[in-house]
Amino acid sequence: MRDKRMSFMPFLQKIMPQCREMMLQFRMVNKPHGNSWRDVHVIGDQAEYQPVKDDDDEMNVKDDDMAVMCQLSDRATLTENVDASLIRNTKHTVYFDLDFNGKADDLPVKLKVMQSMITKDIKFRTHVLAHRGITETSPGKKYSASPRLSASTSVDIPPHGVSAAADEVYTSKAK
């Protein structure tokens, strides 16, 4: 096998589990020339995992064994060896268990991919939303980043040019 271009993208769960232990998915996918990482890393509408970076990291790989190392903040480095036969596949995922017990939700992570004399360093922050009470919304979708249920708040927004100050009451009705 000749060298091939691979896209690397780490993924984390959208919500911090109550046990404070998360699984990091490190996805390695063949990346044809000219393709975006979004074209090769399939992300479903209801996916439990989200990419942790805005862009992927790329590396030319050989038909040879590879080592992937992961370090969460100042914790011990975890290592997974990837057999050359798995690299021949179109895609492969390496999993790392990250323990956030006694740590903040937002921590630096260092990944290192090593094959022969080639090394690729990948760094990112976890940016976990779960315990910040943040809710993400996008058109047609709603994700709650908090594991706890919360009361809904309804707010009436007056039409442009109408004031809702000083005890004015306005109720809008959909037509």
C-alpha atoms as a PDB file:
ATOM      1  CA  MET A   1       0.000   0.000   0.000  1.00  0.00           C
ATOM      2  CA  ARG A   2       1.216   3.497  -0.818  1.00  0.00           C
ATOM      3  CA  ASP A   3       0.905   6.330   1.660  1.00  0.00           C
ATOM      4  CA  LYS A   4      -2.639   7.539   2.115  1.00  0.00           C
ATOM      5  CA  ARG A   5      -4.075  10.745   3.533  1.00  0.00           C
ATOM      6  CA  MET A   6      -6.082  10.328   6.738  1.00  0.00           C
ATOM      7  CA  SER A   7      -8.257  12.801   8.592  1.00  0.00           C
ATOM      8  CA  PHE A   8      -8.092  12.742  12.392  1.00  0.00           C
ATOM      9  CA  MET A   9     -10.917  14.193  14.481  1.00  0.00           C
ATOM     10  CA  PRO A  10     -11.540  13.796  18.224  1.00  0.00           C
ATOM     11  CA  PHE A  11     -15.167  13.604  19.391  1.00  0.00           C
ATOM     12  CA  LEU A  12     -16.618  13.944  22.912  1.00  0.00           C
ATOM     13  CA  GLN A  13     -20.067  13.367  24.337  1.00  0.00           C
ATOM     14  CA  LYS A  14     -22.306  16.452  24.257  1.00  0.00           C
ATOM     15  CA  ILE A  15     -23.259  16.055  27.911  1.00  0.00           C
ATOM     16  CA  MET A  16     -20.945  15.346  30.844  1.00  0.00           C
ATOM     17  CA  PRO A  17     -22.168  12.107  32.481  1.00  0.00           C
ATOM     18  CA  GLN A  18     -22.978  12.324  36.199  1.00  0.00           C
ATOM     19  CA  CYS A  19     -20.161   9.835  36.893  1.00  0.00           C
ATOM     20  CA  ARG A  20     -17.788  12.465  35.347  1.00  0.00           C
ATOM     21  CA  GLU A  21     -16.122   9.850  33.151  1.00  0.00           C
ATOM     22  CA  MET A  22     -16.310  10.464  29.398  1.00  0.00           C
ATOM     23  CA  MET A  23     -15.232   8.482  26.398  1.00  0.00           C
ATOM     24  CA  LEU A  24     -13.166  10.288  23.776  1.00  0.00           C
ATOM     25  CA  GLN A  25     -13.558   8.911  20.264  1.00  0.00           C
ATOM     26  CA  PHE A  26     -10.517   9.533  18.074  1.00  0.00           C
ATOM     27  CA  ARG A  27     -11.735   8.930  14.523  1.00  0.00           C
ATOM     28  CA  MET A  28      -9.305   8.201  11.701  1.00  0.00           C
ATOM     29  CA  VAL A  29     -10.808   8.264   8.194  1.00  0.00           C
ATOM     30  CA  ASN A  30      -9.398   8.127   4.658  1.00  0.00           C
ATOM     31  CA  LYS A  31      -9.559  11.644   3.236  1.00  0.00           C
ATOM     32  CA  PRO A  32      -9.607  11.946  -0.548  1.00  0.00           C
ATOM     33  CA  HIS A  33      -7.950  15.092  -1.905  1.00  0.00           C
ATOM     34  CA  GLY A  34     -10.250  18.109  -1.877  1.00  0.00           C
ATOM     35  CA  ASN A  35     -12.784  16.732   0.611  1.00  0.00           C
ATOM     36  CA  SER A  36     -13.782  18.575   3.773  1.00  0.00           C
ATOM     37  CA  TRP A  37     -13.623  16.774   7.111  1.00  0.00           C
ATOM     38  CA  ARG A  38     -17.423  17.089   7.247  1.00  0.00           C
ATOM     39  CA  ASP A  39     -17.572  14.934   4.096  1.00  0.00           C
ATOM     40  CA  VAL A  40     -15.627  12.070   5.679  1.00  0.00           C
ATOM     41  CA  HIS A  41     -16.654  12.183   9.382  1.00  0.00           C
ATOM     42  CA  VAL A  42     -20.359  11.370   9.376  1.00  0.00           C
ATOM     43  CA  ILE A  43     -22.277  13.174  12.138  1.00  0.00           C
ATOM     44  CA  GLY A  44     -25.949  12.277  12.542  1.00  0.00           C
ATOM     45  CA  ASP A  45     -28.641  14.772  13.565  1.00  0.00           C
ATOM     46  CA  GLN A  46     -29.125  13.070  16.926  1.00  0.00           C
ATOM     47  CA  ALA A  47     -25.457  12.140  17.462  1.00  0.00           C
ATOM     48  CA  GLU A  48     -24.407  11.738  21.079  1.00  0.00           C
ATOM     49  CA  TYR A  49     -20.838  12.775  20.213  1.00  0.00           C
ATOM     50  CA  GLN A  50     -19.679  16.096  18.750  1.00  0.00           C
ATOM     51  CA  PRO A  51     -16.372  17.147  17.156  1.00  0.00           C
ATOM     52  CA  VAL A  52     -14.171  19.031  19.622  1.00  0.00           C
ATOM     53  CA  LYS A  53     -12.447  21.184  17.008  1.00  0.00           C
ATOM     54  CA  ASP A  54     -13.503  23.344  14.067  1.00  0.00           C
ATOM     55  CA  ASP A  55     -11.222  21.505  11.661  1.00  0.00           C
ATOM     56  CA  ASP A  56      -9.525  18.135  11.327  1.00  0.00           C
ATOM     57  CA  ASP A  57      -5.846  17.234  11.413  1.00  0.00           C
ATOM     58  CA  GLU A  58      -4.387  15.360   8.449  1.00  0.00           C
ATOM     59  CA  MET A  59      -1.452  13.012   8.099  1.00  0.00           C
ATOM     60  CA  ASN A  60       0.018  10.832   5.368  1.00  0.00           C
ATOM     61  CA  VAL A  61       0.165   7.311   6.806  1.00  0.00           C
ATOM     62  CA  LYS A  62       1.947   4.161   5.700  1.00  0.00           C
ATOM     63  CA  ASP A  63       0.912   0.518   5.857  1.00  0.00           C
ATOM     64  CA  ASP A  64       2.530   0.206   9.275  1.00  0.00           C
ATOM     65  CA  ASP A  65       1.527   0.034  12.935  1.00  0.00           C
ATOM     66  CA  MET A  66       0.638   3.304  14.648  1.00  0.00           C
ATOM     67  CA  ALA A  67       0.485   4.500  18.260  1.00  0.00           C
ATOM     68  CA  VAL A  68      -2.059   7.042  19.501  1.00  0.00           C
ATOM     69  CA  MET A  69      -1.439   8.689  22.878  1.00  0.00           C
ATOM     70  CA  CYS A  70      -3.900  10.783  24.873  1.00  0.00           C
ATOM     71  CA  GLN A  71      -3.297  12.935  27.948  1.00  0.00           C
ATOM     72  CA  LEU A  72      -6.060  14.785  29.819  1.00  0.00           C
ATOM     73  CA  SER A  73      -4.571  17.810  31.594  1.00  0.00           C
ATOM     74  CA  ASP A  74      -1.863  16.567  33.973  1.00  0.00           C
ATOM     75  CA  ARG A  75      -3.161  12.973  34.179  1.00  0.00           C
ATOM     76  CA  ALA A  76      -1.197   9.937  33.008  1.00  0.00           C
ATOM     77  CA  THR A  77      -0.786   9.401  29.266  1.00  0.00           C
ATOM     78  CA  LEU A  78      -2.964   6.655  27.776  1.00  0.00           C
ATOM     79  CA  THR A  79      -1.667   4.742  24.737  1.00  0.00           C
ATOM     80  CA  GLU A  80      -3.518   2.666  22.143  1.00  0.00           C
ATOM     81  CA  ASN A  81      -1.646   0.737  19.461  1.00  0.00           C
ATOM     82  CA  VAL A  82      -3.287   0.492  16.048  1.00  0.00           C
ATOM     83  CA  ASP A  83      -2.350  -2.527  13.949  1.00  0.00           C
ATOM     84  CA  ALA A  84      -1.426  -1.895  10.307  1.00  0.00           C
ATOM     85  CA  SER A  85      -4.343  -4.084   9.172  1.00  0.00           C
ATOM     86  CA  LEU A  86      -6.780  -1.580  10.755  1.00  0.00           C
ATOM     87  CA  ILE A  87      -5.127   1.331   8.955  1.00  0.00           C
ATOM     88  CA  ARG A  88      -5.902  -0.378   5.644  1.00  0.00           C
ATOM     89  CA  ASN A  89      -9.613   0.077   6.437  1.00  0.00           C
ATOM     90  CA  THR A  90     -11.482   3.172   5.269  1.00  0.00           C
ATOM     91  CA  LYS A  91     -11.992   4.251   8.870  1.00  0.00           C
ATOM     92  CA  HIS A  92     -11.024   3.253  12.385  1.00  0.00           C
ATOM     93  CA  THR A  93     -11.858   4.682  15.820  1.00  0.00           C
ATOM     94  CA  VAL A  94      -9.651   4.599  18.913  1.00  0.00           C
ATOM     95  CA  TYR A  95     -11.352   5.076  22.303  1.00  0.00           C
ATOM     96  CA  PHE A  96      -9.968   6.692  25.443  1.00  0.00           C
ATOM     97  CA  ASP A  97     -11.714   6.845  28.832  1.00  0.00           C
ATOM     98  CA  LEU A  98     -11.263  10.299  30.386  1.00  0.00           C
ATOM     99  CA  ASP A  99     -11.806  10.749  34.132  1.00  0.00           C
ATOM    100  CA  PHE A 100     -12.951  14.253  35.129  1.00  0.00           C
ATOM    101  CA  ASN A 101     -13.488  13.405  38.822  1.00  0.00           C
ATOM    102  CA  GLY A 102     -11.997  16.205  40.917  1.00  0.00           C
ATOM    103  CA  LYS A 103     -11.282  18.223  37.748  1.00  0.00           C
ATOM    104  CA  ALA A 104     -12.954  21.091  35.882  1.00  0.00           C
ATOM    105  CA  ASP A 105     -15.144  20.416  32.828  1.00  0.00           C
ATOM    106  CA  ASP A 106     -12.900  22.478  30.534  1.00  0.00           C
ATOM    107  CA  LEU A 107      -9.436  20.896  30.385  1.00  0.00           C
ATOM    108  CA  PRO A 108      -6.631  20.695  27.831  1.00  0.00           C
ATOM    109  CA  VAL A 109      -6.173  17.395  25.989  1.00  0.00           C
ATOM    110  CA  LYS A 110      -3.053  16.371  24.083  1.00  0.00           C
ATOM    111  CA  LEU A 111      -3.202  13.662  21.436  1.00  0.00           C
ATOM    112  CA  LYS A 112      -0.120  12.357  19.681  1.00  0.00           C
ATOM    113  CA  VAL A 113      -0.154  10.088  16.632  1.00  0.00           C
ATOM    114  CA  MET A 114       3.117   8.298  15.912  1.00  0.00           C
ATOM    115  CA  GLN A 115       4.028   6.110  12.960  1.00  0.00           C
ATOM    116  CA  SER A 116       7.642   5.275  12.142  1.00  0.00           C
ATOM    117  CA  MET A 117       9.463   8.611  12.282  1.00  0.00           C
ATOM    118  CA  ILE A 118       6.332  10.720  11.731  1.00  0.00           C
ATOM    119  CA  THR A 119       4.588  12.406  14.668  1.00  0.00           C
ATOM    120  CA  LYS A 120       1.386  14.458  14.661  1.00  0.00           C
ATOM    121  CA  ASP A 121       0.432  16.512  17.746  1.00  0.00           C
ATOM    122  CA  ILE A 122      -3.214  17.464  18.261  1.00  0.00           C
ATOM    123  CA  LYS A 123      -4.334  19.759  21.081  1.00  0.00           C
ATOM    124  CA  PHE A 124      -7.783  20.956  22.133  1.00  0.00           C
ATOM    125  CA  ARG A 125      -9.869  21.836  25.188  1.00  0.00           C
ATOM    126  CA  THR A 126     -12.819  19.750  26.330  1.00  0.00           C
ATOM    127  CA  HIS A 127     -15.363  22.641  26.595  1.00  0.00           C
ATOM    128  CA  VAL A 128     -17.993  20.430  28.228  1.00  0.00           C
ATOM    129  CA  LEU A 129     -21.276  22.317  28.599  1.00  0.00           C
ATOM    130  CA  ALA A 130     -23.107  20.009  31.035  1.00  0.00           C
ATOM    131  CA  HIS A 131     -22.620  21.704  34.367  1.00  0.00           C
ATOM    132  CA  ARG A 132     -22.829  25.279  33.089  1.00  0.00           C
ATOM    133  CA  GLY A 133     -26.582  25.143  32.465  1.00  0.00           C
ATOM    134  CA  ILE A 134     -26.052  26.126  28.833  1.00  0.00           C
ATOM    135  CA  THR A 135     -28.611  25.132  26.226  1.00  0.00           C
ATOM    136  CA  GLU A 136     -27.722  25.052  22.554  1.00  0.00           C
ATOM    137  CA  THR A 137     -30.454  25.662  20.018  1.00  0.00           C
ATOM    138  CA  SER A 138     -30.398  25.562  16.276  1.00  0.00           C
ATOM    139  CA  PRO A 139     -33.291  25.768  13.807  1.00  0.00           C
ATOM    140  CA  GLY A 140     -35.537  22.767  14.280  1.00  0.00           C
ATOM    141  CA  LYS A 141     -33.315  21.205  16.946  1.00  0.00           C
ATOM    142  CA  LYS A 142     -32.901  21.674  20.651  1.00  0.00           C
ATOM    143  CA  TYR A 143     -30.141  20.206  22.769  1.00  0.00           C
ATOM    144  CA  SER A 144     -30.073  20.624  26.493  1.00  0.00           C
ATOM    145  CA  ALA A 145     -26.563  20.458  27.835  1.00  0.00           C
ATOM    146  CA  SER A 146     -27.762  20.070  31.389  1.00  0.00           C
ATOM    147  CA  PRO A 147     -28.779  16.629  32.677  1.00  0.00           C
ATOM    148  CA  ARG A 148     -31.305  18.276  35.038  1.00  0.00           C
ATOM    149  CA  LEU A 149     -34.775  19.332  33.950  1.00  0.00           C
ATOM    150  CA  SER A 150     -35.490  23.011  34.362  1.00  0.00           C
ATOM    151  CA  ALA A 151     -38.633  25.128  34.354  1.00  0.00           C
ATOM    152  CA  SER A 152     -39.530  26.839  31.098  1.00  0.00           C
ATOM    153  CA  THR A 153     -39.601  30.585  30.889  1.00  0.00           C
ATOM    154  CA  SER A 154     -41.921  32.260  28.423  1.00  0.00           C
ATOM    155  CA  VAL A 155     -41.125  35.749  27.212  1.00  0.00           C
ATOM    156  CA  ASP A 156     -43.328  37.912  24.998  1.00  0.00           C
ATOM    157  CA  ILE A 157     -41.314  40.091  22.656  1.00  0.00           C
ATOM    158  CA  PRO A 158     -43.167  43.163  21.423  1.00  0.00           C
ATOM    159  CA  PRO A 159     -43.119  44.023  17.716  1.00  0.00           C
ATOM    160  CA  HIS A 160     -40.505  46.453  16.455  1.00  0.00           C
ATOM    161  CA  GLY A 161     -41.174  50.013  17.662  1.00  0.00           C
ATOM    162  CA  VAL A 162     -43.424  49.075  20.625  1.00  0.00           C
ATOM    163  CA  SER A 163     -42.133  49.532  24.174  1.00  0.00           C
ATOM    164  CA  ALA A 164     -42.676  46.954  26.913  1.00  0.00           C
ATOM    165  CA  ALA A 165     -41.260  49.192  29.646  1.00  0.00           C
ATOM    166  CA  ALA A 166     -42.982  50.859  32.613  1.00  0.00           C
ATOM    167  CA  ASP A 167     -45.739  48.326  33.295  1.00  0.00           C
ATOM    168  CA  GLU A 168     -46.948  48.162  29.694  1.00  0.00           C
ATOM    169  CA  VAL A 169     -48.420  44.785  28.878  1.00  0.00           C
ATOM    170  CA  TYR A 170     -48.405  43.388  25.377  1.00  0.00           C
ATOM    171  CA  THR A 171     -49.621  39.998  24.229  1.00  0.00           C
ATOM    172  CA  SER A 172     -48.941  38.832  20.716  1.00  0.00           C
ATOM    173  CA  LYS A 173     -51.069  36.346  18.854  1.00  0.00           C
ATOM    174  CA  ALA A 174     -49.903  34.317  15.901  1.00  0.00           C
ATOM    175  CA  LYS A 175     -51.905  34.875  12.716  1.00  0.00           C
END
